[in-house]
């Protein structure tokens, strides 16, 4: 089942990359921006609870989709780009086993503990 879920995330990442291509930005922007959502990890400097909140808001697929559609509706290409980058980044994180965080600490996610074999 774990491999099926990873394949689903690969497909979602492919969809995000396809959507990025439709936005008309030069392709070099994708590798430059792909890790920017991880700036949210700075919230962990204020503690595990704040860190998890910051991380989860910026790594929730609904937020990415909402940003994309808000950008499309109001014709704000930069907001569409932010939503698309978030969408791709989230899928990439899930492929590598990084899920939404519990407030016990960074390594505790909805996909299991980071660094621990989860079957």
PDB file of N, CA and C in Angstrom:
ATOM      1  N   UNK A   1       0.819  -1.196   0.000  1.00  0.00           N
ATOM      2  CA  UNK A   1       0.000   0.000   0.000  1.00  0.00           C
ATOM      3  C   UNK A   1       0.862   1.259   0.000  1.00  0.00           C
ATOM      4  N   UNK A   2       1.976   1.215   0.717  1.00  0.00           N
ATOM      5  CA  UNK A   2       2.858   2.372   0.792  1.00  0.00           C
ATOM      6  C   UNK A   2       3.338   2.790  -0.604  1.00  0.00           C
ATOM      7  N   UNK A   3       3.669   1.815  -1.449  1.00  0.00           N
ATOM      8  CA  UNK A   3       4.121   2.122  -2.809  1.00  0.00           C
ATOM      9  C   UNK A   3       3.004   2.699  -3.663  1.00  0.00           C
ATOM     10  N   UNK A   4       1.779   2.240  -3.448  1.00  0.00           N
ATOM     11  CA  UNK A   4       0.635   2.776  -4.187  1.00  0.00           C
ATOM     12  C   UNK A   4       0.437   4.249  -3.831  1.00  0.00           C
ATOM     13  N   UNK A   5       0.578   4.572  -2.548  1.00  0.00           N
ATOM     14  CA  UNK A   5       0.436   5.966  -2.121  1.00  0.00           C
ATOM     15  C   UNK A   5       1.550   6.837  -2.693  1.00  0.00           C
ATOM     16  N   UNK A   6       2.756   6.292  -2.755  1.00  0.00           N
ATOM     17  CA  UNK A   6       3.864   7.049  -3.357  1.00  0.00           C
ATOM     18  C   UNK A   6       3.615   7.277  -4.843  1.00  0.00           C
ATOM     19  N   UNK A   7       3.075   6.270  -5.534  1.00  0.00           N
ATOM     20  CA  UNK A   7       2.747   6.432  -6.953  1.00  0.00           C
ATOM     21  C   UNK A   7       1.674   7.504  -7.157  1.00  0.00           C
ATOM     22  N   UNK A   8       0.730   7.555  -6.238  1.00  0.00           N
ATOM     23  CA  UNK A   8      -0.290   8.598  -6.301  1.00  0.00           C
ATOM     24  C   UNK A   8       0.359   9.980  -6.175  1.00  0.00           C
ATOM     25  N   UNK A   9       1.304  10.111  -5.268  1.00  0.00           N
ATOM     26  CA  UNK A   9       1.999  11.385  -5.089  1.00  0.00           C
ATOM     27  C   UNK A   9       2.851  11.735  -6.313  1.00  0.00           C
ATOM     28  N   UNK A  10       3.447  10.727  -6.948  1.00  0.00           N
ATOM     29  CA  UNK A  10       4.202  10.964  -8.188  1.00  0.00           C
ATOM     30  C   UNK A  10       3.255  11.520  -9.248  1.00  0.00           C
ATOM     31  N   UNK A  11       2.059  10.943  -9.335  1.00  0.00           N
ATOM     32  CA  UNK A  11       1.070  11.435 -10.305  1.00  0.00           C
ATOM     33  C   UNK A  11       0.659  12.869  -9.987  1.00  0.00           C
ATOM     34  N   UNK A  12       0.451  13.172  -8.701  1.00  0.00           N
ATOM     35  CA  UNK A  12       0.083  14.532  -8.309  1.00  0.00           C
ATOM     36  C   UNK A  12       1.221  15.515  -8.579  1.00  0.00           C
ATOM     37  N   UNK A  13       2.449  15.066  -8.373  1.00  0.00           N
ATOM     38  CA  UNK A  13       3.591  15.923  -8.686  1.00  0.00           C
ATOM     39  C   UNK A  13       3.645  16.193 -10.191  1.00  0.00           C
ATOM     40  N   UNK A  14       3.377  15.158 -10.981  1.00  0.00           N
ATOM     41  CA  UNK A  14       3.321  15.332 -12.436  1.00  0.00           C
ATOM     42  C   UNK A  14       2.240  16.329 -12.841  1.00  0.00           C
ATOM     43  N   UNK A  15       1.075  16.245 -12.199  1.00  0.00           N
ATOM     44  CA  UNK A  15       0.005  17.202 -12.465  1.00  0.00           C
ATOM     45  C   UNK A  15       0.460  18.620 -12.135  1.00  0.00           C
ATOM     46  N   UNK A  16       1.122  18.772 -10.995  1.00  0.00           N
ATOM     47  CA  UNK A  16       1.618  20.092 -10.608  1.00  0.00           C
ATOM     48  C   UNK A  16       2.630  20.640 -11.601  1.00  0.00           C
ATOM     49  N   UNK A  17       3.517  19.784 -12.074  1.00  0.00           N
ATOM     50  CA  UNK A  17       4.520  20.214 -13.053  1.00  0.00           C
ATOM     51  C   UNK A  17       3.833  20.604 -14.366  1.00  0.00           C
ATOM     52  N   UNK A  18       2.817  19.841 -14.755  1.00  0.00           N
ATOM     53  CA  UNK A  18       2.026  20.184 -15.938  1.00  0.00           C
ATOM     54  C   UNK A  18       1.388  21.558 -15.767  1.00  0.00           C
ATOM     55  N   UNK A  19       0.793  21.796 -14.593  1.00  0.00           N
ATOM     56  CA  UNK A  19       0.157  23.091 -14.328  1.00  0.00           C
ATOM     57  C   UNK A  19       1.183  24.216 -14.327  1.00  0.00           C
ATOM     58  N   UNK A  20       2.371  23.945 -13.790  1.00  0.00           N
ATOM     59  CA  UNK A  20       3.438  24.942 -13.825  1.00  0.00           C
ATOM     60  C   UNK A  20       3.737  25.328 -15.281  1.00  0.00           C
ATOM     61  N   UNK A  21       3.816  24.329 -16.148  1.00  0.00           N
ATOM     62  CA  UNK A  21       4.083  24.593 -17.562  1.00  0.00           C
ATOM     63  C   UNK A  21       3.027  25.476 -18.209  1.00  0.00           C
ATOM     64  N   UNK A  22       1.778  25.352 -17.778  1.00  0.00           N
ATOM     65  CA  UNK A  22       0.699  26.173 -18.332  1.00  0.00           C
ATOM     66  C   UNK A  22       0.771  27.630 -17.891  1.00  0.00           C
ATOM     67  N   UNK A  23       1.481  27.887 -16.789  1.00  0.00           N
ATOM     68  CA  UNK A  23       1.562  29.253 -16.271  1.00  0.00           C
ATOM     69  C   UNK A  23       2.442  30.164 -17.127  1.00  0.00           C
ATOM     70  N   UNK A  24       3.342  29.571 -17.894  1.00  0.00           N
ATOM     71  CA  UNK A  24       4.164  30.372 -18.797  1.00  0.00           C
ATOM     72  C   UNK A  24       5.466  30.896 -18.214  1.00  0.00           C
ATOM     73  N   UNK A  25       5.802  30.482 -17.008  1.00  0.00           N
ATOM     74  CA  UNK A  25       7.079  30.891 -16.429  1.00  0.00           C
ATOM     75  C   UNK A  25       8.197  30.075 -17.056  1.00  0.00           C
ATOM     76  N   UNK A  26       9.399  30.619 -17.040  1.00  0.00           N
ATOM     77  CA  UNK A  26      10.544  29.856 -17.529  1.00  0.00           C
ATOM     78  C   UNK A  26      10.791  28.688 -16.584  1.00  0.00           C
ATOM     79  N   UNK A  27      11.219  27.561 -17.157  1.00  0.00           N
ATOM     80  CA  UNK A  27      11.361  26.323 -16.387  1.00  0.00           C
ATOM     81  C   UNK A  27      12.409  26.406 -15.284  1.00  0.00           C
ATOM     82  N   UNK A  28      13.394  27.293 -15.418  1.00  0.00           N
ATOM     83  CA  UNK A  28      14.417  27.363 -14.381  1.00  0.00           C
ATOM     84  C   UNK A  28      13.842  27.837 -13.049  1.00  0.00           C
ATOM     85  N   UNK A  29      12.671  28.478 -13.068  1.00  0.00           N
ATOM     86  CA  UNK A  29      12.040  28.911 -11.829  1.00  0.00           C
ATOM     87  C   UNK A  29      11.619  27.737 -10.950  1.00  0.00           C
ATOM     88  N   UNK A  30      11.254  26.614 -11.568  1.00  0.00           N
ATOM     89  CA  UNK A  30      10.786  25.471 -10.786  1.00  0.00           C
ATOM     90  C   UNK A  30      11.845  24.953  -9.808  1.00  0.00           C
ATOM     91  N   UNK A  31      13.063  24.623 -10.263  1.00  0.00           N
ATOM     92  CA  UNK A  31      14.049  24.153  -9.276  1.00  0.00           C
ATOM     93  C   UNK A  31      14.487  25.240  -8.285  1.00  0.00           C
ATOM     94  N   UNK A  32      14.410  26.497  -8.706  1.00  0.00           N
ATOM     95  CA  UNK A  32      14.786  27.590  -7.808  1.00  0.00           C
ATOM     96  C   UNK A  32      13.773  27.727  -6.662  1.00  0.00           C
ATOM     97  N   UNK A  33      12.495  27.548  -6.969  1.00  0.00           N
ATOM     98  CA  UNK A  33      11.434  27.793  -5.986  1.00  0.00           C
ATOM     99  C   UNK A  33      10.947  26.551  -5.245  1.00  0.00           C
ATOM    100  N   UNK A  34      11.304  25.369  -5.699  1.00  0.00           N
ATOM    101  CA  UNK A  34      10.682  24.146  -5.200  1.00  0.00           C
ATOM    102  C   UNK A  34      10.848  23.947  -3.689  1.00  0.00           C
ATOM    103  N   UNK A  35      11.902  24.423  -3.098  1.00  0.00           N
ATOM    104  CA  UNK A  35      12.107  24.220  -1.659  1.00  0.00           C
ATOM    105  C   UNK A  35      11.675  25.409  -0.792  1.00  0.00           C
ATOM    106  N   UNK A  36      11.184  26.481  -1.415  1.00  0.00           N
ATOM    107  CA  UNK A  36      10.805  27.663  -0.641  1.00  0.00           C
ATOM    108  C   UNK A  36       9.734  27.408   0.425  1.00  0.00           C
ATOM    109  N   UNK A  37       8.789  26.481   0.227  1.00  0.00           N
ATOM    110  CA  UNK A  37       7.822  26.245   1.308  1.00  0.00           C
ATOM    111  C   UNK A  37       8.469  25.766   2.609  1.00  0.00           C
ATOM    112  N   UNK A  38       9.679  25.239   2.533  1.00  0.00           N
ATOM    113  CA  UNK A  38      10.343  24.760   3.746  1.00  0.00           C
ATOM    114  C   UNK A  38      10.837  25.887   4.642  1.00  0.00           C
ATOM    115  N   UNK A  39      10.722  27.121   4.192  1.00  0.00           N
ATOM    116  CA  UNK A  39      11.025  28.267   5.057  1.00  0.00           C
ATOM    117  C   UNK A  39      10.104  28.223   6.282  1.00  0.00           C
ATOM    118  N   UNK A  40       8.955  27.602   6.118  1.00  0.00           N
ATOM    119  CA  UNK A  40       8.003  27.499   7.228  1.00  0.00           C
ATOM    120  C   UNK A  40       8.583  26.749   8.422  1.00  0.00           C
ATOM    121  N   UNK A  41       9.634  25.969   8.211  1.00  0.00           N
ATOM    122  CA  UNK A  41      10.265  25.242   9.318  1.00  0.00           C
ATOM    123  C   UNK A  41      10.888  26.193  10.339  1.00  0.00           C
ATOM    124  N   UNK A  42      11.087  27.437   9.946  1.00  0.00           N
ATOM    125  CA  UNK A  42      11.622  28.417  10.896  1.00  0.00           C
ATOM    126  C   UNK A  42      10.693  28.594  12.095  1.00  0.00           C
ATOM    127  N   UNK A  43       9.428  28.243  11.928  1.00  0.00           N
ATOM    128  CA  UNK A  43       8.487  28.297  13.041  1.00  0.00           C
ATOM    129  C   UNK A  43       8.920  27.432  14.216  1.00  0.00           C
ATOM    130  N   UNK A  44       9.728  26.408  13.932  1.00  0.00           N
ATOM    131  CA  UNK A  44      10.215  25.538  15.004  1.00  0.00           C
ATOM    132  C   UNK A  44      11.167  26.273  15.942  1.00  0.00           C
ATOM    133  N   UNK A  45      11.674  27.421  15.536  1.00  0.00           N
ATOM    134  CA  UNK A  45      12.498  28.229  16.430  1.00  0.00           C
ATOM    135  C   UNK A  45      11.672  28.765  17.604  1.00  0.00           C
ATOM    136  N   UNK A  46      10.347  28.801  17.413  1.00  0.00           N
ATOM    137  CA  UNK A  46       9.442  29.281  18.458  1.00  0.00           C
ATOM    138  C   UNK A  46       8.793  28.132  19.227  1.00  0.00           C
ATOM    139  N   UNK A  47       9.246  26.923  18.969  1.00  0.00           N
ATOM    140  CA  UNK A  47       8.716  25.760  19.672  1.00  0.00           C
ATOM    141  C   UNK A  47       8.019  24.787  18.743  1.00  0.00           C
ATOM    142  N   UNK A  48       7.813  23.581  19.250  1.00  0.00           N
ATOM    143  CA  UNK A  48       7.236  22.509  18.432  1.00  0.00           C
ATOM    144  C   UNK A  48       5.796  22.804  18.009  1.00  0.00           C
ATOM    145  N   UNK A  49       5.012  23.393  18.892  1.00  0.00           N
ATOM    146  CA  UNK A  49       3.601  23.656  18.575  1.00  0.00           C
ATOM    147  C   UNK A  49       3.474  24.706  17.468  1.00  0.00           C
ATOM    148  N   UNK A  50       4.183  25.810  17.598  1.00  0.00           N
ATOM    149  CA  UNK A  50       4.159  26.870  16.576  1.00  0.00           C
ATOM    150  C   UNK A  50       4.788  26.349  15.282  1.00  0.00           C
ATOM    151  N   UNK A  51       5.876  25.610  15.416  1.00  0.00           N
ATOM    152  CA  UNK A  51       6.540  25.049  14.240  1.00  0.00           C
ATOM    153  C   UNK A  51       5.630  24.142  13.455  1.00  0.00           C
ATOM    154  N   UNK A  52       4.925  23.248  14.140  1.00  0.00           N
ATOM    155  CA  UNK A  52       4.001  22.333  13.471  1.00  0.00           C
ATOM    156  C   UNK A  52       2.882  23.109  12.784  1.00  0.00           C
ATOM    157  N   UNK A  53       2.363  24.129  13.448  1.00  0.00           N
ATOM    158  CA  UNK A  53       1.294  24.947  12.859  1.00  0.00           C
ATOM    159  C   UNK A  53       1.777  25.629  11.578  1.00  0.00           C
ATOM    160  N   UNK A  54       2.926  26.282  11.644  1.00  0.00           N
ATOM    161  CA  UNK A  54       3.481  26.971  10.472  1.00  0.00           C
ATOM    162  C   UNK A  54       3.732  25.987   9.334  1.00  0.00           C
ATOM    163  N   UNK A  55       4.355  24.877   9.677  1.00  0.00           N
ATOM    164  CA  UNK A  55       4.673  23.861   8.666  1.00  0.00           C
ATOM    165  C   UNK A  55       3.394  23.308   8.032  1.00  0.00           C
ATOM    166  N   UNK A  56       2.414  22.966   8.861  1.00  0.00           N
ATOM    167  CA  UNK A  56       1.192  22.348   8.350  1.00  0.00           C
ATOM    168  C   UNK A  56       0.373  23.289   7.477  1.00  0.00           C
ATOM    169  N   UNK A  57       0.346  24.558   7.818  1.00  0.00           N
ATOM    170  CA  UNK A  57      -0.381  25.520   6.983  1.00  0.00           C
ATOM    171  C   UNK A  57       0.269  25.614   5.605  1.00  0.00           C
ATOM    172  N   UNK A  58       1.585  25.639   5.582  1.00  0.00           N
ATOM    173  CA  UNK A  58       2.273  25.800   4.296  1.00  0.00           C
ATOM    174  C   UNK A  58       2.508  24.470   3.577  1.00  0.00           C
ATOM    175  N   UNK A  59       2.048  23.361   4.163  1.00  0.00           N
ATOM    176  CA  UNK A  59       2.197  22.059   3.515  1.00  0.00           C
ATOM    177  C   UNK A  59       0.862  21.312   3.426  1.00  0.00           C
ATOM    178  N   UNK A  60      -0.213  22.070   3.400  1.00  0.00           N
ATOM    179  CA  UNK A  60      -1.543  21.471   3.283  1.00  0.00           C
ATOM    180  C   UNK A  60      -2.016  21.653   1.846  1.00  0.00           C
ATOM    181  N   UNK A  61      -2.379  20.556   1.222  1.00  0.00           N
ATOM    182  CA  UNK A  61      -2.749  20.599  -0.200  1.00  0.00           C
ATOM    183  C   UNK A  61      -3.931  21.534  -0.449  1.00  0.00           C
ATOM    184  N   UNK A  62      -4.875  21.626   0.486  1.00  0.00           N
ATOM    185  CA  UNK A  62      -6.022  22.518   0.301  1.00  0.00           C
ATOM    186  C   UNK A  62      -5.580  23.974   0.206  1.00  0.00           C
ATOM    187  N   UNK A  63      -4.561  24.351   0.966  1.00  0.00           N
ATOM    188  CA  UNK A  63      -4.032  25.716   0.895  1.00  0.00           C
ATOM    189  C   UNK A  63      -3.433  25.964  -0.490  1.00  0.00           C
ATOM    190  N   UNK A  64      -2.693  25.004  -0.994  1.00  0.00           N
ATOM    191  CA  UNK A  64      -2.086  25.138  -2.329  1.00  0.00           C
ATOM    192  C   UNK A  64      -3.160  25.297  -3.403  1.00  0.00           C
ATOM    193  N   UNK A  65      -4.191  24.475  -3.340  1.00  0.00           N
ATOM    194  CA  UNK A  65      -5.270  24.526  -4.335  1.00  0.00           C
ATOM    195  C   UNK A  65      -6.032  25.840  -4.217  1.00  0.00           C
ATOM    196  N   UNK A  66      -6.315  26.252  -2.987  1.00  0.00           N
ATOM    197  CA  UNK A  66      -7.015  27.522  -2.767  1.00  0.00           C
ATOM    198  C   UNK A  66      -6.218  28.696  -3.344  1.00  0.00           C
ATOM    199  N   UNK A  67      -4.914  28.720  -3.070  1.00  0.00           N
ATOM    200  CA  UNK A  67      -4.079  29.796  -3.611  1.00  0.00           C
ATOM    201  C   UNK A  67      -4.107  29.808  -5.133  1.00  0.00           C
ATOM    202  N   UNK A  68      -3.995  28.637  -5.736  1.00  0.00           N
ATOM    203  CA  UNK A  68      -4.024  28.572  -7.201  1.00  0.00           C
ATOM    204  C   UNK A  68      -5.329  29.154  -7.742  1.00  0.00           C
ATOM    205  N   UNK A  69      -6.466  28.733  -7.189  1.00  0.00           N
ATOM    206  CA  UNK A  69      -7.751  29.196  -7.707  1.00  0.00           C
ATOM    207  C   UNK A  69      -8.014  30.670  -7.396  1.00  0.00           C
ATOM    208  N   UNK A  70      -7.566  31.147  -6.256  1.00  0.00           N
ATOM    209  CA  UNK A  70      -7.683  32.584  -5.957  1.00  0.00           C
ATOM    210  C   UNK A  70      -6.875  33.378  -6.982  1.00  0.00           C
ATOM    211  N   UNK A  71      -5.657  32.910  -7.262  1.00  0.00           N
ATOM    212  CA  UNK A  71      -4.837  33.573  -8.274  1.00  0.00           C
ATOM    213  C   UNK A  71      -5.479  33.555  -9.648  1.00  0.00           C
ATOM    214  N   UNK A  72      -6.074  32.431 -10.011  1.00  0.00           N
ATOM    215  CA  UNK A  72      -6.733  32.325 -11.314  1.00  0.00           C
ATOM    216  C   UNK A  72      -7.955  33.238 -11.381  1.00  0.00           C
ATOM    217  N   UNK A  73      -8.766  33.245 -10.336  1.00  0.00           N
ATOM    218  CA  UNK A  73      -9.989  34.038 -10.320  1.00  0.00           C
ATOM    219  C   UNK A  73      -9.696  35.536 -10.392  1.00  0.00           C
ATOM    220  N   UNK A  74      -8.712  35.979  -9.605  1.00  0.00           N
ATOM    221  CA  UNK A  74      -8.394  37.405  -9.562  1.00  0.00           C
ATOM    222  C   UNK A  74      -7.294  37.794 -10.552  1.00  0.00           C
ATOM    223  N   UNK A  75      -6.924  36.865 -11.427  1.00  0.00           N
ATOM    224  CA  UNK A  75      -5.891  37.092 -12.440  1.00  0.00           C
ATOM    225  C   UNK A  75      -4.594  37.603 -11.811  1.00  0.00           C
ATOM    226  N   UNK A  76      -4.120  36.859 -10.818  1.00  0.00           N
ATOM    227  CA  UNK A  76      -2.873  37.166 -10.122  1.00  0.00           C
ATOM    228  C   UNK A  76      -1.901  36.017 -10.364  1.00  0.00           C
ATOM    229  N   UNK A  77      -1.133  36.090 -11.444  1.00  0.00           N
ATOM    230  CA  UNK A  77      -0.249  34.978 -11.805  1.00  0.00           C
ATOM    231  C   UNK A  77       0.731  34.574 -10.706  1.00  0.00           C
ATOM    232  N   UNK A  78       1.195  35.511  -9.914  1.00  0.00           N
ATOM    233  CA  UNK A  78       2.149  35.181  -8.853  1.00  0.00           C
ATOM    234  C   UNK A  78       1.490  34.297  -7.785  1.00  0.00           C
ATOM    235  N   UNK A  79       0.210  34.530  -7.512  1.00  0.00           N
ATOM    236  CA  UNK A  79      -0.516  33.710  -6.534  1.00  0.00           C
ATOM    237  C   UNK A  79      -0.761  32.314  -7.113  1.00  0.00           C
ATOM    238  N   UNK A  80      -1.063  32.246  -8.411  1.00  0.00           N
ATOM    239  CA  UNK A  80      -1.173  30.943  -9.075  1.00  0.00           C
ATOM    240  C   UNK A  80       0.156  30.183  -8.970  1.00  0.00           C
ATOM    241  N   UNK A  81       1.239  30.894  -9.188  1.00  0.00           N
ATOM    242  CA  UNK A  81       2.568  30.281  -9.102  1.00  0.00           C
ATOM    243  C   UNK A  81       2.835  29.751  -7.696  1.00  0.00           C
ATOM    244  N   UNK A  82       2.516  30.546  -6.689  1.00  0.00           N
ATOM    245  CA  UNK A  82       2.737  30.116  -5.302  1.00  0.00           C
ATOM    246  C   UNK A  82       1.935  28.844  -5.017  1.00  0.00           C
ATOM    247  N   UNK A  83       0.680  28.818  -5.421  1.00  0.00           N
ATOM    248  CA  UNK A  83      -0.152  27.637  -5.217  1.00  0.00           C
ATOM    249  C   UNK A  83       0.399  26.422  -5.937  1.00  0.00           C
ATOM    250  N   UNK A  84       0.887  26.620  -7.144  1.00  0.00           N
ATOM    251  CA  UNK A  84       1.433  25.513  -7.931  1.00  0.00           C
ATOM    252  C   UNK A  84       2.722  24.988  -7.317  1.00  0.00           C
ATOM    253  N   UNK A  85       3.599  25.887  -6.908  1.00  0.00           N
ATOM    254  CA  UNK A  85       4.855  25.465  -6.264  1.00  0.00           C
ATOM    255  C   UNK A  85       4.551  24.695  -4.983  1.00  0.00           C
ATOM    256  N   UNK A  86       3.604  25.195  -4.194  1.00  0.00           N
ATOM    257  CA  UNK A  86       3.209  24.478  -2.976  1.00  0.00           C
ATOM    258  C   UNK A  86       2.698  23.080  -3.307  1.00  0.00           C
ATOM    259  N   UNK A  87       1.850  22.991  -4.317  1.00  0.00           N
ATOM    260  CA  UNK A  87       1.264  21.709  -4.709  1.00  0.00           C
ATOM    261  C   UNK A  87       2.353  20.705  -5.094  1.00  0.00           C
ATOM    262  N   UNK A  88       3.304  21.146  -5.908  1.00  0.00           N
ATOM    263  CA  UNK A  88       4.409  20.272  -6.329  1.00  0.00           C
ATOM    264  C   UNK A  88       5.267  19.895  -5.128  1.00  0.00           C
ATOM    265  N   UNK A  89       5.591  20.870  -4.304  1.00  0.00           N
ATOM    266  CA  UNK A  89       6.445  20.630  -3.136  1.00  0.00           C
ATOM    267  C   UNK A  89       5.809  19.622  -2.177  1.00  0.00           C
ATOM    268  N   UNK A  90       4.511  19.761  -1.948  1.00  0.00           N
ATOM    269  CA  UNK A  90       3.807  18.858  -1.037  1.00  0.00           C
ATOM    270  C   UNK A  90       3.879  17.427  -1.555  1.00  0.00           C
ATOM    271  N   UNK A  91       3.630  17.242  -2.849  1.00  0.00           N
ATOM    272  CA  UNK A  91       3.712  15.896  -3.430  1.00  0.00           C
ATOM    273  C   UNK A  91       5.128  15.344  -3.291  1.00  0.00           C
ATOM    274  N   UNK A  92       6.134  16.179  -3.544  1.00  0.00           N
ATOM    275  CA  UNK A  92       7.526  15.747  -3.416  1.00  0.00           C
ATOM    276  C   UNK A  92       7.824  15.321  -1.974  1.00  0.00           C
ATOM    277  N   UNK A  93       7.376  16.123  -1.018  1.00  0.00           N
ATOM    278  CA  UNK A  93       7.576  15.773   0.391  1.00  0.00           C
ATOM    279  C   UNK A  93       6.941  14.429   0.725  1.00  0.00           C
ATOM    280  N   UNK A  94       5.710  14.214   0.272  1.00  0.00           N
ATOM    281  CA  UNK A  94       5.006  12.965   0.574  1.00  0.00           C
ATOM    282  C   UNK A  94       5.722  11.766  -0.047  1.00  0.00           C
ATOM    283  N   UNK A  95       6.292  11.944  -1.234  1.00  0.00           N
ATOM    284  CA  UNK A  95       7.055  10.863  -1.875  1.00  0.00           C
ATOM    285  C   UNK A  95       8.198  10.437  -0.969  1.00  0.00           C
ATOM    286  N   UNK A  96       8.851  11.406  -0.332  1.00  0.00           N
ATOM    287  CA  UNK A  96      10.002  11.120   0.528  1.00  0.00           C
ATOM    288  C   UNK A  96       9.608  10.825   1.981  1.00  0.00           C
ATOM    289  N   UNK A  97       8.310  10.771   2.261  1.00  0.00           N
ATOM    290  CA  UNK A  97       7.849  10.386   3.592  1.00  0.00           C
ATOM    291  C   UNK A  97       7.669  11.518   4.576  1.00  0.00           C
ATOM    292  N   UNK A  98       7.701  12.755   4.102  1.00  0.00           N
ATOM    293  CA  UNK A  98       7.498  13.900   4.994  1.00  0.00           C
ATOM    294  C   UNK A  98       6.029  14.289   4.967  1.00  0.00           C
ATOM    295  N   UNK A  99       5.375  14.101   6.090  1.00  0.00           N
ATOM    296  CA  UNK A  99       3.959  14.407   6.175  1.00  0.00           C
ATOM    297  C   UNK A  99       3.697  15.628   7.027  1.00  0.00           C
ATOM    298  N   UNK A 100       2.425  15.881   7.269  1.00  0.00           N
ATOM    299  CA  UNK A 100       2.035  16.958   8.161  1.00  0.00           C
ATOM    300  C   UNK A 100       2.509  16.628   9.567  1.00  0.00           C
ATOM    301  N   UNK A 101       2.868  17.641  10.314  1.00  0.00           N
ATOM    302  CA  UNK A 101       3.552  17.440  11.600  1.00  0.00           C
ATOM    303  C   UNK A 101       2.593  17.423  12.782  1.00  0.00           C
ATOM    304  N   UNK A 102       2.927  16.570  13.744  1.00  0.00           N
ATOM    305  CA  UNK A 102       2.292  16.623  15.063  1.00  0.00           C
ATOM    306  C   UNK A 102       3.118  17.580  15.917  1.00  0.00           C
ATOM    307  N   UNK A 103       2.504  18.127  16.954  1.00  0.00           N
ATOM    308  CA  UNK A 103       3.229  19.113  17.759  1.00  0.00           C
ATOM    309  C   UNK A 103       4.182  18.488  18.783  1.00  0.00           C
ATOM    310  N   UNK A 104       4.407  17.193  18.692  1.00  0.00           N
ATOM    311  CA  UNK A 104       5.402  16.530  19.558  1.00  0.00           C
ATOM    312  C   UNK A 104       6.822  16.828  19.095  1.00  0.00           C
ATOM    313  N   UNK A 105       6.981  17.199  17.830  1.00  0.00           N
ATOM    314  CA  UNK A 105       8.298  17.481  17.280  1.00  0.00           C
ATOM    315  C   UNK A 105       8.309  17.255  15.777  1.00  0.00           C
ATOM    316  N   UNK A 106       9.337  17.749  15.128  1.00  0.00           N
ATOM    317  CA  UNK A 106       9.414  17.737  13.663  1.00  0.00           C
ATOM    318  C   UNK A 106       9.332  16.342  13.059  1.00  0.00           C
ATOM    319  N   UNK A 107       9.909  15.350  13.717  1.00  0.00           N
ATOM    320  CA  UNK A 107       9.983  14.022  13.108  1.00  0.00           C
ATOM    321  C   UNK A 107       8.691  13.219  13.234  1.00  0.00           C
ATOM    322  N   UNK A 108       7.684  13.742  13.931  1.00  0.00           N
ATOM    323  CA  UNK A 108       6.418  13.040  14.108  1.00  0.00           C
ATOM    324  C   UNK A 108       5.384  13.553  13.106  1.00  0.00           C
ATOM    325  N   UNK A 109       5.032  12.710  12.122  1.00  0.00           N
ATOM    326  CA  UNK A 109       4.143  13.133  11.041  1.00  0.00           C
ATOM    327  C   UNK A 109       2.951  12.196  10.893  1.00  0.00           C
ATOM    328  N   UNK A 110       1.989  12.625  10.092  1.00  0.00           N
ATOM    329  CA  UNK A 110       0.815  11.787   9.845  1.00  0.00           C
ATOM    330  C   UNK A 110       1.173  10.558   9.014  1.00  0.00           C
ATOM    331  N   UNK A 111       2.359  10.526   8.439  1.00  0.00           N
ATOM    332  CA  UNK A 111       2.813   9.360   7.674  1.00  0.00           C
ATOM    333  C   UNK A 111       3.682   8.429   8.513  1.00  0.00           C
ATOM    334  N   UNK A 112       3.902   8.796   9.759  1.00  0.00           N
ATOM    335  CA  UNK A 112       4.754   8.016  10.638  1.00  0.00           C
ATOM    336  C   UNK A 112       5.958   8.844  11.060  1.00  0.00           C
ATOM    337  N   UNK A 113       6.791   8.248  11.856  1.00  0.00           N
ATOM    338  CA  UNK A 113       7.963   8.947  12.360  1.00  0.00           C
ATOM    339  C   UNK A 113       9.056   8.987  11.290  1.00  0.00           C
ATOM    340  N   UNK A 114       9.595  10.163  11.030  1.00  0.00           N
ATOM    341  CA  UNK A 114      10.652  10.323  10.044  1.00  0.00           C
ATOM    342  C   UNK A 114      11.898   9.605  10.541  1.00  0.00           C
ATOM    343  N   UNK A 115      12.482   8.812   9.674  1.00  0.00           N
ATOM    344  CA  UNK A 115      13.702   8.082  10.033  1.00  0.00           C
ATOM    345  C   UNK A 115      13.439   6.701  10.591  1.00  0.00           C
ATOM    346  N   UNK A 116      12.183   6.393  10.882  1.00  0.00           N
ATOM    347  CA  UNK A 116      11.820   5.089  11.415  1.00  0.00           C
ATOM    348  C   UNK A 116      11.164   4.286  10.293  1.00  0.00           C
ATOM    349  N   UNK A 117      11.540   3.028  10.143  1.00  0.00           N
ATOM    350  CA  UNK A 117      10.918   2.179   9.124  1.00  0.00           C
ATOM    351  C   UNK A 117       9.454   1.940   9.495  1.00  0.00           C
ATOM    352  N   UNK A 118       8.569   2.329   8.573  1.00  0.00           N
ATOM    353  CA  UNK A 118       7.133   2.182   8.810  1.00  0.00           C
ATOM    354  C   UNK A 118       6.519   1.124   7.898  1.00  0.00           C
ATOM    355  N   UNK A 119       7.105  -0.019   7.861  1.00  0.00           N
ATOM    356  CA  UNK A 119       6.557  -1.143   7.104  1.00  0.00           C
ATOM    357  C   UNK A 119       6.645  -0.956   5.672  1.00  0.00           C
TER     358      UNK A 119
END
